[in-house]
Amino acid sequence: MPRPSNPLLSAERIRRAGLELIDAQGLEALSMRRLAEHLGVRAASLYNHVQTKDQLLHEIADDVTAGVDVSGFAVDWPTGLRTWARSYRAALAAHPHLVPYLASGPARREAALRRADAVHGGLTSAGWPQRYATMIGASTKYLVVGSAMGSFSGGFPDDAGVYEDRFPHLERAHLLSRHAEIDQDSFELALGALIDGLRQLYTELTRG
């Protein structure tokens, strides 16, 4: 019989299904057995396309972060930090269950290491000392990962009675969950404050 024009499995379909499992059930839900069940195939057939679960996670992470933009460093370092941080947060916030894996570092992922190299190179080329470039990269990542991990506005009960009398300064906290844009606005406030502080530090360092 001729081979089907659309094979049942492909590396792309496996990655997509793996991400669907992670998004729906969490990172711990991903196993080759569960993935095979999700796809309606035998687990052994997955290994024709991916060797290990770790390799699959690397490839899923590369797909999710493909849109992270480090091109802004060609303009100047503040533009580079803004575009990198915003695109990085957008990628993570779209798949929060994958954040713990992505937050662990680039490991041996070629694409992630290229981005890290571009960030560090963009900062040092602009005149930041190596040590400060490393700390700036880390600080920006802390901000992005923390912002993507969860919702500040969604962390407060929407029952006004929780706050009455006992927490008078939180009298409007029950309204926060209705204003999800607070999370985005808070991220932008923190990012702007970080860059403003770094501008001052940069002036002090380069002046000397």
Protein backbone atom coordinates (compact mmCIF):
# COMPACT_ATOMS: atom_id res chain seq x y z
CA MET A 1 0.00 0.00 0.00
CA PRO A 2 1.27 3.52 -0.68
CA ARG A 3 2.48 5.58 2.26
CA PRO A 4 -0.10 8.09 3.52
CA SER A 5 0.44 11.64 2.28
CA ASN A 6 0.00 12.95 5.84
CA PRO A 7 1.82 10.63 8.24
CA LEU A 8 0.18 10.08 11.60
CA LEU A 9 3.19 11.41 13.46
CA SER A 10 5.76 14.12 12.85
CA ALA A 11 8.26 15.84 15.09
CA GLU A 12 6.22 19.03 14.91
CA ARG A 13 2.98 17.29 15.86
CA ILE A 14 4.69 15.58 18.80
CA ARG A 15 6.05 18.90 20.08
CA ARG A 16 2.67 20.56 19.67
CA ALA A 17 0.93 17.76 21.57
CA GLY A 18 3.56 17.84 24.29
CA LEU A 19 2.98 21.54 24.80
CA GLU A 20 -0.79 20.98 24.89
CA LEU A 21 -0.31 18.49 27.74
CA ILE A 22 1.93 20.89 29.65
CA ASP A 23 -0.48 23.80 29.16
CA ALA A 24 -3.46 21.75 30.28
CA GLN A 25 -2.01 19.68 33.12
CA GLY A 26 1.38 21.08 34.09
CA LEU A 27 4.98 20.19 33.43
CA GLU A 28 4.85 17.06 35.57
CA ALA A 29 2.11 15.64 33.36
CA LEU A 30 4.44 15.21 30.40
CA SER A 31 5.68 11.66 29.92
CA MET A 32 6.23 9.66 26.78
CA ARG A 33 3.43 7.29 27.80
CA ARG A 34 0.89 10.06 28.38
CA LEU A 35 1.98 11.82 25.22
CA ALA A 36 1.44 8.64 23.21
CA GLU A 37 -2.03 8.24 24.72
CA HIS A 38 -2.82 11.87 23.89
CA LEU A 39 -1.80 11.25 20.29
CA GLY A 40 -3.51 7.86 20.08
CA VAL A 41 -0.33 5.97 19.20
CA ARG A 42 2.05 3.50 20.82
CA ALA A 43 4.80 5.03 22.93
CA ALA A 44 7.45 3.20 20.92
CA SER A 45 6.46 5.08 17.78
CA LEU A 46 7.41 8.40 19.38
CA TYR A 47 11.05 7.36 19.49
CA ASN A 48 11.22 7.42 15.71
CA HIS A 49 10.99 11.22 16.02
CA VAL A 50 12.41 12.11 19.44
CA GLN A 51 15.00 10.19 21.44
CA THR A 52 14.21 11.25 25.00
CA LYS A 53 11.80 13.33 27.05
CA ASP A 54 14.64 15.78 27.75
CA GLN A 55 15.21 16.26 24.04
CA LEU A 56 11.48 16.82 23.57
CA LEU A 57 11.42 19.46 26.30
CA HIS A 58 14.41 21.21 24.73
CA GLU A 59 12.62 21.34 21.39
CA ILE A 60 9.33 22.52 22.93
CA ALA A 61 11.24 25.25 24.77
CA ASP A 62 12.87 26.33 21.52
CA ASP A 63 9.44 26.55 19.85
CA VAL A 64 7.97 28.62 22.70
CA THR A 65 10.88 31.05 22.84
CA ALA A 66 11.40 31.38 19.09
CA GLY A 67 9.82 34.82 19.16
CA VAL A 68 12.07 36.22 21.89
CA ASP A 69 13.66 39.27 20.29
CA VAL A 70 17.23 40.36 21.01
CA SER A 71 17.62 42.48 17.89
CA GLY A 72 17.10 45.73 19.82
CA PHE A 73 20.67 45.67 21.07
CA ALA A 74 21.70 46.77 17.58
CA VAL A 75 20.01 50.10 18.40
CA ASP A 76 21.22 50.64 21.97
CA TRP A 77 21.27 48.74 25.23
CA PRO A 78 18.02 50.21 26.71
CA THR A 79 16.12 49.31 23.53
CA GLY A 80 17.69 45.88 23.62
CA LEU A 81 16.62 45.27 27.21
CA ARG A 82 13.07 46.47 26.55
CA THR A 83 12.50 44.36 23.44
CA TRP A 84 14.15 41.32 24.99
CA ALA A 85 12.23 41.58 28.27
CA ARG A 86 8.84 42.24 26.66
CA SER A 87 9.11 39.46 24.10
CA TYR A 88 10.55 37.06 26.69
CA ARG A 89 7.68 37.76 29.09
CA ALA A 90 5.10 37.35 26.34
CA ALA A 91 6.52 33.93 25.45
CA LEU A 92 6.53 32.75 29.07
CA ALA A 93 3.17 34.23 30.01
CA ALA A 94 1.54 32.33 27.14
CA HIS A 95 2.70 29.02 28.66
CA PRO A 96 3.09 29.55 32.44
CA HIS A 97 3.38 25.84 33.24
CA LEU A 98 6.58 25.72 31.20
CA VAL A 99 8.14 28.65 33.08
CA PRO A 100 9.96 26.52 35.72
CA TYR A 101 11.72 24.61 32.95
CA LEU A 102 12.62 27.74 30.99
CA ALA A 103 13.71 29.54 34.16
CA SER A 104 16.30 26.87 34.90
CA GLY A 105 18.61 28.33 32.26
CA PRO A 106 19.64 27.83 28.65
CA ALA A 107 21.39 24.51 29.45
CA ARG A 108 22.70 23.18 26.15
CA ARG A 109 19.94 24.62 23.99
CA GLU A 110 21.66 26.22 21.03
CA ALA A 111 18.99 28.87 20.40
CA ALA A 112 18.87 29.90 24.07
CA LEU A 113 22.64 30.16 24.26
CA ARG A 114 22.67 32.32 21.12
CA ARG A 115 20.18 34.70 22.73
CA ALA A 116 22.17 34.82 25.97
CA ASP A 117 25.29 35.55 23.94
CA ALA A 118 23.49 38.34 22.07
CA VAL A 119 22.27 39.93 25.32
CA HIS A 120 25.67 39.76 26.97
CA GLY A 121 27.42 40.92 23.80
CA GLY A 122 24.99 43.79 23.34
CA LEU A 123 25.62 45.02 26.87
CA THR A 124 29.40 44.69 26.82
CA SER A 125 29.62 46.25 23.36
CA ALA A 126 27.74 49.25 24.76
CA GLY A 127 30.41 49.68 27.43
CA TRP A 128 29.03 47.71 30.37
CA PRO A 129 31.74 45.78 32.25
CA GLN A 130 31.46 42.00 32.02
CA ARG A 131 30.33 41.64 35.64
CA TYR A 132 27.59 44.25 35.28
CA ALA A 133 26.42 42.74 31.98
CA THR A 134 25.97 39.41 33.73
CA MET A 135 24.07 41.01 36.61
CA ILE A 136 21.85 43.03 34.26
CA GLY A 137 20.97 39.90 32.31
CA ALA A 138 20.16 38.08 35.55
CA SER A 139 18.13 40.98 36.96
CA THR A 140 16.06 41.26 33.81
CA LYS A 141 15.43 37.54 33.82
CA TYR A 142 14.30 37.67 37.47
CA LEU A 143 11.81 40.38 36.55
CA VAL A 144 10.50 38.52 33.51
CA VAL A 145 10.22 35.11 35.16
CA GLY A 146 8.61 36.53 38.31
CA SER A 147 6.09 38.43 36.22
CA ALA A 148 5.24 35.38 34.13
CA MET A 149 4.95 32.95 37.04
CA GLY A 150 1.63 34.23 38.31
CA SER A 151 -0.86 37.03 38.57
CA PHE A 152 -0.57 39.64 41.31
CA SER A 153 -4.06 40.92 40.66
CA GLY A 154 -5.48 37.42 40.71
CA GLY A 155 -3.91 36.60 44.05
CA PHE A 156 -6.43 38.54 46.14
CA PRO A 157 -9.86 37.11 47.05
CA ASP A 158 -12.68 39.01 45.39
CA ASP A 159 -14.74 38.95 48.58
CA ALA A 160 -14.85 42.46 50.06
CA GLY A 161 -15.66 40.98 53.46
CA VAL A 162 -12.16 39.51 53.72
CA TYR A 163 -10.66 42.98 54.03
CA GLU A 164 -13.26 44.95 55.98
CA ASP A 165 -12.06 46.21 59.37
CA ARG A 166 -9.02 43.92 59.58
CA PHE A 167 -7.13 45.26 56.52
CA PRO A 168 -8.28 48.84 55.98
CA HIS A 169 -5.50 49.66 53.50
CA LEU A 170 -6.68 46.80 51.28
CA GLU A 171 -10.28 47.97 51.13
CA ARG A 172 -10.25 47.88 47.31
CA ALA A 173 -8.15 44.72 46.93
CA HIS A 174 -11.25 42.68 46.10
CA LEU A 175 -11.45 44.61 42.82
CA LEU A 176 -7.96 43.66 41.64
CA SER A 177 -8.96 40.40 40.01
CA ARG A 178 -11.21 42.36 37.62
CA HIS A 179 -8.26 44.38 36.34
CA ALA A 180 -5.86 41.89 34.77
CA GLU A 181 -4.05 44.71 32.95
CA ILE A 182 -2.52 45.60 36.33
CA ASP A 183 -0.12 42.70 35.81
CA GLN A 184 1.09 44.09 32.47
CA ASP A 185 1.21 47.63 33.81
CA SER A 186 3.16 46.46 36.87
CA PHE A 187 5.68 44.70 34.66
CA GLU A 188 6.13 47.83 32.56
CA LEU A 189 6.55 49.95 35.69
CA ALA A 190 9.24 47.63 37.04
CA LEU A 191 11.00 47.36 33.68
CA GLY A 192 11.04 51.13 33.30
CA ALA A 193 12.38 51.59 36.82
CA LEU A 194 15.10 49.02 36.18
CA ILE A 195 16.24 50.72 32.99
CA ASP A 196 16.09 54.20 34.55
CA GLY A 197 18.27 53.01 37.42
CA LEU A 198 20.68 51.36 35.02
CA ARG A 199 20.95 54.56 32.97
CA GLN A 200 22.12 56.40 36.09
CA LEU A 201 24.58 53.65 36.94
CA TYR A 202 25.86 53.57 33.36
CA THR A 203 26.52 57.32 33.49
CA GLU A 204 28.45 56.93 36.73
CA LEU A 205 30.53 54.04 35.42
CA THR A 206 31.39 55.62 32.07
CA ARG A 207 32.09 59.02 33.61
CA GLY A 208 34.84 57.50 35.70
